Amino acid sequence: NVRVFKTKPDVFVPNAFRPGGTQNNVLRPIMAGISKLSYFQVYNRWGQLVFQTSQPGYGWDGRIGGKLQDPGTFVWVVKAEDFLGQWIVKKGTAVLIR
């Protein structure tokens, strides 16, 4: 598959996902023009780190310690470097839907 983005280098993260569904079942960053993912982290409402990766294409499946989490809002933070050597740091929230 080839994706064409009509944007400057950036990182996009969905604002909702549904673990166990057929689509949008993993919360992961979508990278356009990015050469290196420094980190993608997800936190629960108490500030506990529930997921972390620096591997492009990997994401959080809605589990903590193998246990499915209840619906709710989670905070994500991402840091990546684009092909021009500029750092992109973003944060936001995503809703886990059941």
PDB file of N, CA and C in Angstrom:
ATOM      1  N   ASN A   1       0.832  -1.184   0.000  1.00  0.00           N
ATOM      2  CA  ASN A   1       0.000   0.000   0.000  1.00  0.00           C
ATOM      3  C   ASN A   1       0.873   1.242   0.000  1.00  0.00           C
ATOM      4  N   VAL A   2       0.458   2.230  -0.751  1.00  0.00           N
ATOM      5  CA  VAL A   2       1.159   3.499  -0.815  1.00  0.00           C
ATOM      6  C   VAL A   2       0.209   4.578  -0.336  1.00  0.00           C
ATOM      7  N   ARG A   3       0.672   5.384   0.593  1.00  0.00           N
ATOM      8  CA  ARG A   3      -0.126   6.504   1.087  1.00  0.00           C
ATOM      9  C   ARG A   3       0.500   7.795   0.597  1.00  0.00           C
ATOM     10  N   VAL A   4      -0.317   8.699   0.113  1.00  0.00           N
ATOM     11  CA  VAL A   4       0.144  10.002  -0.339  1.00  0.00           C
ATOM     12  C   VAL A   4      -0.454  11.055   0.589  1.00  0.00           C
ATOM     13  N   PHE A   5       0.415  11.858   1.186  1.00  0.00           N
ATOM     14  CA  PHE A   5      -0.011  12.914   2.099  1.00  0.00           C
ATOM     15  C   PHE A   5       0.278  14.256   1.453  1.00  0.00           C
ATOM     16  N   LYS A   6      -0.704  15.127   1.432  1.00  0.00           N
ATOM     17  CA  LYS A   6      -0.504  16.480   0.922  1.00  0.00           C
ATOM     18  C   LYS A   6      -0.340  17.419   2.108  1.00  0.00           C
ATOM     19  N   THR A   7       0.745  17.201   2.839  1.00  0.00           N
ATOM     20  CA  THR A   7       1.021  17.965   4.049  1.00  0.00           C
ATOM     21  C   THR A   7       2.525  18.014   4.262  1.00  0.00           C
ATOM     22  N   LYS A   8       2.948  18.888   5.121  1.00  0.00           N
ATOM     23  CA  LYS A   8       4.349  18.893   5.539  1.00  0.00           C
ATOM     24  C   LYS A   8       4.558  17.667   6.414  1.00  0.00           C
ATOM     25  N   PRO A   9       5.803  17.303   6.704  1.00  0.00           N
ATOM     26  CA  PRO A   9       6.034  16.167   7.606  1.00  0.00           C
ATOM     27  C   PRO A   9       5.293  16.383   8.927  1.00  0.00           C
ATOM     28  N   ASP A  10       4.603  15.337   9.368  1.00  0.00           N
ATOM     29  CA  ASP A  10       3.809  15.456  10.584  1.00  0.00           C
ATOM     30  C   ASP A  10       3.474  14.072  11.122  1.00  0.00           C
ATOM     31  N   VAL A  11       2.952  14.042  12.335  1.00  0.00           N
ATOM     32  CA  VAL A  11       2.496  12.809  12.974  1.00  0.00           C
ATOM     33  C   VAL A  11       1.027  13.012  13.335  1.00  0.00           C
ATOM     34  N   PHE A  12       0.209  12.060  12.948  1.00  0.00           N
ATOM     35  CA  PHE A  12      -1.224  12.113  13.240  1.00  0.00           C
ATOM     36  C   PHE A  12      -1.573  10.936  14.140  1.00  0.00           C
ATOM     37  N   VAL A  13      -2.436  11.173  15.130  1.00  0.00           N
ATOM     38  CA  VAL A  13      -2.890  10.116  16.029  1.00  0.00           C
ATOM     39  C   VAL A  13      -4.414  10.202  16.090  1.00  0.00           C
ATOM     40  N   PRO A  14      -5.104   9.084  15.867  1.00  0.00           N
ATOM     41  CA  PRO A  14      -6.574   9.118  15.935  1.00  0.00           C
ATOM     42  C   PRO A  14      -7.059   9.541  17.319  1.00  0.00           C
ATOM     43  N   ASN A  15      -8.276  10.101  17.359  1.00  0.00           N
ATOM     44  CA  ASN A  15      -8.809  10.542  18.652  1.00  0.00           C
ATOM     45  C   ASN A  15      -9.713   9.496  19.295  1.00  0.00           C
ATOM     46  N   ALA A  16      -9.881   8.327  18.634  1.00  0.00           N
ATOM     47  CA  ALA A  16     -10.660   7.230  19.211  1.00  0.00           C
ATOM     48  C   ALA A  16     -10.216   5.914  18.595  1.00  0.00           C
ATOM     49  N   PHE A  17     -10.355   4.830  19.350  1.00  0.00           N
ATOM     50  CA  PHE A  17     -10.068   3.498  18.828  1.00  0.00           C
ATOM     51  C   PHE A  17     -10.914   2.484  19.574  1.00  0.00           C
ATOM     52  N   ARG A  18     -11.085   1.305  18.937  1.00  0.00           N
ATOM     53  CA  ARG A  18     -11.965   0.282  19.497  1.00  0.00           C
ATOM     54  C   ARG A  18     -11.254  -1.068  19.490  1.00  0.00           C
ATOM     55  N   PRO A  19     -10.571  -1.430  20.575  1.00  0.00           N
ATOM     56  CA  PRO A  19      -9.898  -2.722  20.645  1.00  0.00           C
ATOM     57  C   PRO A  19     -10.892  -3.871  20.454  1.00  0.00           C
ATOM     58  N   GLY A  20     -10.482  -4.868  19.692  1.00  0.00           N
ATOM     59  CA  GLY A  20     -11.339  -6.018  19.441  1.00  0.00           C
ATOM     60  C   GLY A  20     -12.239  -5.828  18.240  1.00  0.00           C
ATOM     61  N   GLY A  21     -12.281  -4.628  17.698  1.00  0.00           N
ATOM     62  CA  GLY A  21     -13.089  -4.363  16.515  1.00  0.00           C
ATOM     63  C   GLY A  21     -12.364  -4.804  15.252  1.00  0.00           C
ATOM     64  N   THR A  22     -12.998  -4.608  14.125  1.00  0.00           N
ATOM     65  CA  THR A  22     -12.383  -5.003  12.856  1.00  0.00           C
ATOM     66  C   THR A  22     -11.530  -3.884  12.267  1.00  0.00           C
ATOM     67  N   GLN A  23     -11.800  -2.639  12.656  1.00  0.00           N
ATOM     68  CA  GLN A  23     -11.013  -1.497  12.202  1.00  0.00           C
ATOM     69  C   GLN A  23     -10.702  -0.614  13.402  1.00  0.00           C
ATOM     70  N   ASN A  24      -9.625   0.160  13.280  1.00  0.00           N
ATOM     71  CA  ASN A  24      -9.225   1.086  14.346  1.00  0.00           C
ATOM     72  C   ASN A  24      -9.125   0.394  15.696  1.00  0.00           C
ATOM     73  N   ASN A  25      -8.538  -0.800  15.711  1.00  0.00           N
ATOM     74  CA  ASN A  25      -8.469  -1.569  16.950  1.00  0.00           C
ATOM     75  C   ASN A  25      -7.158  -1.386  17.714  1.00  0.00           C
ATOM     76  N   VAL A  26      -6.242  -0.588  17.181  1.00  0.00           N
ATOM     77  CA  VAL A  26      -4.970  -0.290  17.846  1.00  0.00           C
ATOM     78  C   VAL A  26      -4.721   1.205  17.745  1.00  0.00           C
ATOM     79  N   LEU A  27      -4.300   1.813  18.844  1.00  0.00           N
ATOM     80  CA  LEU A  27      -3.954   3.233  18.844  1.00  0.00           C
ATOM     81  C   LEU A  27      -2.484   3.358  18.465  1.00  0.00           C
ATOM     82  N   ARG A  28      -2.237   3.925  17.293  1.00  0.00           N
ATOM     83  CA  ARG A  28      -0.853   4.074  16.825  1.00  0.00           C
ATOM     84  C   ARG A  28      -0.697   5.377  16.041  1.00  0.00           C
ATOM     85  N   PRO A  29       0.511   5.936  16.041  1.00  0.00           N
ATOM     86  CA  PRO A  29       0.734   7.163  15.280  1.00  0.00           C
ATOM     87  C   PRO A  29       0.821   6.867  13.783  1.00  0.00           C
ATOM     88  N   ILE A  30       0.296   7.776  12.992  1.00  0.00           N
ATOM     89  CA  ILE A  30       0.396   7.706  11.530  1.00  0.00           C
ATOM     90  C   ILE A  30       1.410   8.764  11.141  1.00  0.00           C
ATOM     91  N   MET A  31       2.501   8.327  10.537  1.00  0.00           N
ATOM     92  CA  MET A  31       3.617   9.233  10.277  1.00  0.00           C
ATOM     93  C   MET A  31       3.728   9.566   8.792  1.00  0.00           C
ATOM     94  N   ALA A  32       3.899  10.858   8.512  1.00  0.00           N
ATOM     95  CA  ALA A  32       4.078  11.330   7.139  1.00  0.00           C
ATOM     96  C   ALA A  32       5.393  12.108   7.074  1.00  0.00           C
ATOM     97  N   GLY A  33       6.330  11.606   6.303  1.00  0.00           N
ATOM     98  CA  GLY A  33       7.617  12.290   6.161  1.00  0.00           C
ATOM     99  C   GLY A  33       8.499  12.186   7.392  1.00  0.00           C
ATOM    100  N   ILE A  34       8.355  11.131   8.147  1.00  0.00           N
ATOM    101  CA  ILE A  34       9.107  10.947   9.391  1.00  0.00           C
ATOM    102  C   ILE A  34      10.211   9.914   9.179  1.00  0.00           C
ATOM    103  N   SER A  35      11.416  10.243   9.637  1.00  0.00           N
ATOM    104  CA  SER A  35      12.539   9.317   9.492  1.00  0.00           C
ATOM    105  C   SER A  35      12.799   8.506  10.755  1.00  0.00           C
ATOM    106  N   LYS A  36      12.413   9.059  11.920  1.00  0.00           N
ATOM    107  CA  LYS A  36      12.711   8.370  13.178  1.00  0.00           C
ATOM    108  C   LYS A  36      11.623   8.664  14.212  1.00  0.00           C
ATOM    109  N   LEU A  37      11.110   7.611  14.834  1.00  0.00           N
ATOM    110  CA  LEU A  37      10.165   7.758  15.936  1.00  0.00           C
ATOM    111  C   LEU A  37      10.959   7.628  17.223  1.00  0.00           C
ATOM    112  N   SER A  38      11.043   8.706  17.979  1.00  0.00           N
ATOM    113  CA  SER A  38      11.772   8.672  19.244  1.00  0.00           C
ATOM    114  C   SER A  38      10.951   7.933  20.299  1.00  0.00           C
ATOM    115  N   TYR A  39       9.673   8.300  20.429  1.00  0.00           N
ATOM    116  CA  TYR A  39       8.779   7.570  21.329  1.00  0.00           C
ATOM    117  C   TYR A  39       7.322   7.893  21.032  1.00  0.00           C
ATOM    118  N   PHE A  40       6.470   6.940  21.375  1.00  0.00           N
ATOM    119  CA  PHE A  40       5.020   7.105  21.408  1.00  0.00           C
ATOM    120  C   PHE A  40       4.586   6.506  22.734  1.00  0.00           C
ATOM    121  N   GLN A  41       3.987   7.329  23.596  1.00  0.00           N
ATOM    122  CA  GLN A  41       3.611   6.893  24.933  1.00  0.00           C
ATOM    123  C   GLN A  41       2.131   7.153  25.164  1.00  0.00           C
ATOM    124  N   VAL A  42       1.489   6.245  25.920  1.00  0.00           N
ATOM    125  CA  VAL A  42       0.085   6.389  26.283  1.00  0.00           C
ATOM    126  C   VAL A  42      -0.021   6.308  27.807  1.00  0.00           C
ATOM    127  N   TYR A  43      -0.791   7.237  28.388  1.00  0.00           N
ATOM    128  CA  TYR A  43      -0.981   7.311  29.832  1.00  0.00           C
ATOM    129  C   TYR A  43      -2.473   7.213  30.167  1.00  0.00           C
ATOM    130  N   ASN A  44      -2.779   6.623  31.326  1.00  0.00           N
ATOM    131  CA  ASN A  44      -4.173   6.600  31.775  1.00  0.00           C
ATOM    132  C   ASN A  44      -4.475   7.887  32.534  1.00  0.00           C
ATOM    133  N   ARG A  45      -5.695   8.005  33.061  1.00  0.00           N
ATOM    134  CA  ARG A  45      -6.102   9.248  33.709  1.00  0.00           C
ATOM    135  C   ARG A  45      -5.392   9.520  35.019  1.00  0.00           C
ATOM    136  N   TRP A  46      -4.689   8.544  35.579  1.00  0.00           N
ATOM    137  CA  TRP A  46      -3.918   8.740  36.798  1.00  0.00           C
ATOM    138  C   TRP A  46      -2.450   9.037  36.500  1.00  0.00           C
ATOM    139  N   GLY A  47      -2.106   9.164  35.230  1.00  0.00           N
ATOM    140  CA  GLY A  47      -0.733   9.472  34.856  1.00  0.00           C
ATOM    141  C   GLY A  47       0.175   8.266  34.774  1.00  0.00           C
ATOM    142  N   GLN A  48      -0.387   7.067  34.844  1.00  0.00           N
ATOM    143  CA  GLN A  48       0.398   5.832  34.747  1.00  0.00           C
ATOM    144  C   GLN A  48       0.708   5.538  33.280  1.00  0.00           C
ATOM    145  N   LEU A  49       1.965   5.291  32.986  1.00  0.00           N
ATOM    146  CA  LEU A  49       2.366   4.908  31.628  1.00  0.00           C
ATOM    147  C   LEU A  49       1.831   3.510  31.344  1.00  0.00           C
ATOM    148  N   VAL A  50       0.981   3.377  30.322  1.00  0.00           N
ATOM    149  CA  VAL A  50       0.377   2.079  30.017  1.00  0.00           C
ATOM    150  C   VAL A  50       0.951   1.463  28.746  1.00  0.00           C
ATOM    151  N   PHE A  51       1.607   2.283  27.899  1.00  0.00           N
ATOM    152  CA  PHE A  51       2.206   1.762  26.673  1.00  0.00           C
ATOM    153  C   PHE A  51       3.301   2.707  26.216  1.00  0.00           C
ATOM    154  N   GLN A  52       4.347   2.112  25.626  1.00  0.00           N
ATOM    155  CA  GLN A  52       5.453   2.905  25.083  1.00  0.00           C
ATOM    156  C   GLN A  52       6.129   2.125  23.973  1.00  0.00           C
ATOM    157  N   THR A  53       6.488   2.818  22.891  1.00  0.00           N
ATOM    158  CA  THR A  53       7.226   2.195  21.809  1.00  0.00           C
ATOM    159  C   THR A  53       8.049   3.240  21.066  1.00  0.00           C
ATOM    160  N   SER A  54       9.086   2.762  20.397  1.00  0.00           N
ATOM    161  CA  SER A  54       9.849   3.596  19.469  1.00  0.00           C
ATOM    162  C   SER A  54       9.894   2.909  18.101  1.00  0.00           C
ATOM    163  N   GLN A  55       9.080   1.883  17.940  1.00  0.00           N
ATOM    164  CA  GLN A  55       9.005   1.121  16.688  1.00  0.00           C
ATOM    165  C   GLN A  55       7.866   1.661  15.826  1.00  0.00           C
ATOM    166  N   PRO A  56       8.150   2.173  14.640  1.00  0.00           N
ATOM    167  CA  PRO A  56       7.080   2.625  13.749  1.00  0.00           C
ATOM    168  C   PRO A  56       6.122   1.478  13.428  1.00  0.00           C
ATOM    169  N   GLY A  57       4.833   1.784  13.396  1.00  0.00           N
ATOM    170  CA  GLY A  57       3.831   0.779  13.068  1.00  0.00           C
ATOM    171  C   GLY A  57       3.261   0.045  14.263  1.00  0.00           C
ATOM    172  N   TYR A  58       3.900   0.154  15.418  1.00  0.00           N
ATOM    173  CA  TYR A  58       3.389  -0.500  16.626  1.00  0.00           C
ATOM    174  C   TYR A  58       2.451   0.454  17.357  1.00  0.00           C
ATOM    175  N   GLY A  59       1.487  -0.128  18.096  1.00  0.00           N
ATOM    176  CA  GLY A  59       0.549   0.695  18.835  1.00  0.00           C
ATOM    177  C   GLY A  59      -0.008  -0.049  20.028  1.00  0.00           C
ATOM    178  N   TRP A  60      -0.871   0.633  20.762  1.00  0.00           N
ATOM    179  CA  TRP A  60      -1.457   0.092  21.986  1.00  0.00           C
ATOM    180  C   TRP A  60      -2.773  -0.591  21.673  1.00  0.00           C
ATOM    181  N   ASP A  61      -2.946  -1.805  22.196  1.00  0.00           N
ATOM    182  CA  ASP A  61      -4.134  -2.611  21.924  1.00  0.00           C
ATOM    183  C   ASP A  61      -5.223  -2.477  22.991  1.00  0.00           C
ATOM    184  N   GLY A  62      -5.086  -1.533  23.907  1.00  0.00           N
ATOM    185  CA  GLY A  62      -6.118  -1.304  24.920  1.00  0.00           C
ATOM    186  C   GLY A  62      -5.998  -2.199  26.138  1.00  0.00           C
ATOM    187  N   ARG A  63      -4.843  -2.837  26.318  1.00  0.00           N
ATOM    188  CA  ARG A  63      -4.633  -3.726  27.464  1.00  0.00           C
ATOM    189  C   ARG A  63      -3.532  -3.177  28.367  1.00  0.00           C
ATOM    190  N   ILE A  64      -3.691  -3.453  29.666  1.00  0.00           N
ATOM    191  CA  ILE A  64      -2.641  -3.158  30.637  1.00  0.00           C
ATOM    192  C   ILE A  64      -2.377  -4.457  31.371  1.00  0.00           C
ATOM    193  N   GLY A  65      -1.168  -4.964  31.258  1.00  0.00           N
ATOM    194  CA  GLY A  65      -0.823  -6.235  31.892  1.00  0.00           C
ATOM    195  C   GLY A  65      -1.678  -7.384  31.382  1.00  0.00           C
ATOM    196  N   GLY A  66      -2.078  -7.332  30.124  1.00  0.00           N
ATOM    197  CA  GLY A  66      -2.894  -8.382  29.522  1.00  0.00           C
ATOM    198  C   GLY A  66      -4.383  -8.241  29.777  1.00  0.00           C
ATOM    199  N   LYS A  67      -4.781  -7.263  30.597  1.00  0.00           N
ATOM    200  CA  LYS A  67      -6.196  -7.070  30.937  1.00  0.00           C
ATOM    201  C   LYS A  67      -6.804  -5.958  30.091  1.00  0.00           C
ATOM    202  N   LEU A  68      -7.954  -6.269  29.457  1.00  0.00           N
ATOM    203  CA  LEU A  68      -8.660  -5.256  28.683  1.00  0.00           C
ATOM    204  C   LEU A  68      -9.091  -4.115  29.589  1.00  0.00           C
ATOM    205  N   GLN A  69      -8.906  -2.901  29.126  1.00  0.00           N
ATOM    206  CA  GLN A  69      -9.266  -1.734  29.922  1.00  0.00           C
ATOM    207  C   GLN A  69     -10.693  -1.285  29.628  1.00  0.00           C
ATOM    208  N   ASP A  70     -11.288  -0.647  30.605  1.00  0.00           N
ATOM    209  CA  ASP A  70     -12.628  -0.101  30.450  1.00  0.00           C
ATOM    210  C   ASP A  70     -12.597   1.099  29.512  1.00  0.00           C
ATOM    211  N   PRO A  71     -13.739   1.452  28.943  1.00  0.00           N
ATOM    212  CA  PRO A  71     -13.791   2.652  28.106  1.00  0.00           C
ATOM    213  C   PRO A  71     -13.336   3.874  28.897  1.00  0.00           C
ATOM    214  N   GLY A  72     -12.709   4.782  28.212  1.00  0.00           N
ATOM    215  CA  GLY A  72     -12.239   5.994  28.871  1.00  0.00           C
ATOM    216  C   GLY A  72     -11.333   6.792  27.967  1.00  0.00           C
ATOM    217  N   THR A  73     -10.819   7.877  28.504  1.00  0.00           N
ATOM    218  CA  THR A  73      -9.929   8.766  27.761  1.00  0.00           C
ATOM    219  C   THR A  73      -8.502   8.551  28.223  1.00  0.00           C
ATOM    220  N   PHE A  74      -7.600   8.457  27.271  1.00  0.00           N
ATOM    221  CA  PHE A  74      -6.182   8.253  27.538  1.00  0.00           C
ATOM    222  C   PHE A  74      -5.382   9.360  26.870  1.00  0.00           C
ATOM    223  N   VAL A  75      -4.267   9.711  27.473  1.00  0.00           N
ATOM    224  CA  VAL A  75      -3.394  10.769  26.967  1.00  0.00           C
ATOM    225  C   VAL A  75      -2.228  10.130  26.233  1.00  0.00           C
ATOM    226  N   TRP A  76      -1.885  10.691  25.061  1.00  0.00           N
ATOM    227  CA  TRP A  76      -0.737  10.192  24.309  1.00  0.00           C
ATOM    228  C   TRP A  76       0.256  11.334  24.081  1.00  0.00           C
ATOM    229  N   VAL A  77       1.524  10.947  23.938  1.00  0.00           N
ATOM    230  CA  VAL A  77       2.610  11.884  23.644  1.00  0.00           C
ATOM    231  C   VAL A  77       3.484  11.219  22.592  1.00  0.00           C
ATOM    232  N   VAL A  78       3.892  11.980  21.584  1.00  0.00           N
ATOM    233  CA  VAL A  78       4.743  11.432  20.531  1.00  0.00           C
ATOM    234  C   VAL A  78       5.865  12.419  20.218  1.00  0.00           C
ATOM    235  N   LYS A  79       7.052  11.867  19.955  1.00  0.00           N
ATOM    236  CA  LYS A  79       8.201  12.667  19.533  1.00  0.00           C
ATOM    237  C   LYS A  79       8.842  11.949  18.360  1.00  0.00           C
ATOM    238  N   ALA A  80       9.009  12.672  17.253  1.00  0.00           N
ATOM    239  CA  ALA A  80       9.566  12.076  16.039  1.00  0.00           C
ATOM    240  C   ALA A  80      10.421  13.104  15.309  1.00  0.00           C
ATOM    241  N   GLU A  81      11.315  12.606  14.470  1.00  0.00           N
ATOM    242  CA  GLU A  81      12.181  13.469  13.668  1.00  0.00           C
ATOM    243  C   GLU A  81      11.815  13.305  12.202  1.00  0.00           C
ATOM    244  N   ASP A  82      11.634  14.421  11.508  1.00  0.00           N
ATOM    245  CA  ASP A  82      11.286  14.333  10.092  1.00  0.00           C
ATOM    246  C   ASP A  82      12.547  14.206   9.233  1.00  0.00           C
ATOM    247  N   PHE A  83      12.352  14.055   7.922  1.00  0.00           N
ATOM    248  CA  PHE A  83      13.483  13.857   7.015  1.00  0.00           C
ATOM    249  C   PHE A  83      14.340  15.103   6.863  1.00  0.00           C
ATOM    250  N   LEU A  84      13.882  16.236   7.356  1.00  0.00           N
ATOM    251  CA  LEU A  84      14.660  17.476   7.306  1.00  0.00           C
ATOM    252  C   LEU A  84      15.447  17.710   8.589  1.00  0.00           C
ATOM    253  N   GLY A  85      15.327  16.790   9.545  1.00  0.00           N
ATOM    254  CA  GLY A  85      16.049  16.907  10.814  1.00  0.00           C
ATOM    255  C   GLY A  85      15.321  17.711  11.872  1.00  0.00           C
ATOM    256  N   GLN A  86      14.066  18.088  11.623  1.00  0.00           N
ATOM    257  CA  GLN A  86      13.273  18.843  12.589  1.00  0.00           C
ATOM    258  C   GLN A  86      12.518  17.882  13.503  1.00  0.00           C
ATOM    259  N   TRP A  87      12.441  18.239  14.786  1.00  0.00           N
ATOM    260  CA  TRP A  87      11.713  17.408  15.749  1.00  0.00           C
ATOM    261  C   TRP A  87      10.260  17.838  15.803  1.00  0.00           C
ATOM    262  N   ILE A  88       9.382  16.856  15.879  1.00  0.00           N
ATOM    263  CA  ILE A  88       7.948  17.087  16.037  1.00  0.00           C
ATOM    264  C   ILE A  88       7.541  16.462  17.366  1.00  0.00           C
ATOM    265  N   VAL A  89       6.981  17.269  18.250  1.00  0.00           N
ATOM    266  CA  VAL A  89       6.496  16.783  19.543  1.00  0.00           C
ATOM    267  C   VAL A  89       5.024  17.166  19.637  1.00  0.00           C
ATOM    268  N   LYS A  90       4.173  16.166  19.864  1.00  0.00           N
ATOM    269  CA  LYS A  90       2.736  16.407  19.956  1.00  0.00           C
ATOM    270  C   LYS A  90       2.160  15.619  21.122  1.00  0.00           C
ATOM    271  N   LYS A  91       1.036  16.100  21.625  1.00  0.00           N
ATOM    272  CA  LYS A  91       0.311  15.375  22.666  1.00  0.00           C
ATOM    273  C   LYS A  91      -1.174  15.602  22.463  1.00  0.00           C
ATOM    274  N   GLY A  92      -1.959  14.654  22.968  1.00  0.00           N
ATOM    275  CA  GLY A  92      -3.399  14.764  22.815  1.00  0.00           C
ATOM    276  C   GLY A  92      -4.090  13.658  23.580  1.00  0.00           C
ATOM    277  N   THR A  93      -5.378  13.467  23.281  1.00  0.00           N
ATOM    278  CA  THR A  93      -6.143  12.439  23.954  1.00  0.00           C
ATOM    279  C   THR A  93      -6.803  11.529  22.930  1.00  0.00           C
ATOM    280  N   ALA A  94      -7.086  10.307  23.361  1.00  0.00           N
ATOM    281  CA  ALA A  94      -7.792   9.336  22.542  1.00  0.00           C
ATOM    282  C   ALA A  94      -8.796   8.620  23.437  1.00  0.00           C
ATOM    283  N   VAL A  95      -9.953   8.333  22.888  1.00  0.00           N
ATOM    284  CA  VAL A  95     -11.009   7.661  23.635  1.00  0.00           C
ATOM    285  C   VAL A  95     -11.022   6.185  23.271  1.00  0.00           C
ATOM    286  N   LEU A  96     -10.974   5.332  24.282  1.00  0.00           N
ATOM    287  CA  LEU A  96     -11.109   3.896  24.087  1.00  0.00           C
ATOM    288  C   LEU A  96     -12.604   3.573  24.131  1.00  0.00           C
ATOM    289  N   ILE A  97     -13.095   2.985  23.045  1.00  0.00           N
ATOM    290  CA  ILE A  97     -14.519   2.674  22.913  1.00  0.00           C
ATOM    291  C   ILE A  97     -14.703   1.166  22.986  1.00  0.00           C
ATOM    292  N   ARG A  98     -15.712   0.723  23.688  1.00  0.00           N
ATOM    293  CA  ARG A  98     -16.050  -0.711  23.749  1.00  0.00           C
ATOM    294  C   ARG A  98     -17.391  -0.937  23.095  1.00  0.00           C
TER     295      ARG A  98
END
